[in-house]
Amino acid sequence: MTIYLNNEPIKLEKSIFLSDFLKQKNISTQGIAIAIDQTIIPRTQWEETLLMPDQKILIIHAVTGG
């Protein structure tokens, strides 16, 4: 199956939970928000959110400064 991470296609063998996907890809979870198909997924739901074919995942990084 294919999902899209920040508009880049990524092939996965099967569905995977969002939290496991982040670990597998070594993505730091500090200061990020995640949207799937334009819906923000609360951090409390990452462990129960199953990624499905053709979903579009957007990782938003918090930036500090003035």
Foldseek 3Di string as FASTA:
>chain_A
DWEAEQNRIDDDPDKDQQVVVCVVVVPDPPQKWKDKQNHTDDPVCRRVHIDDPHIYMYIDGDDDDD
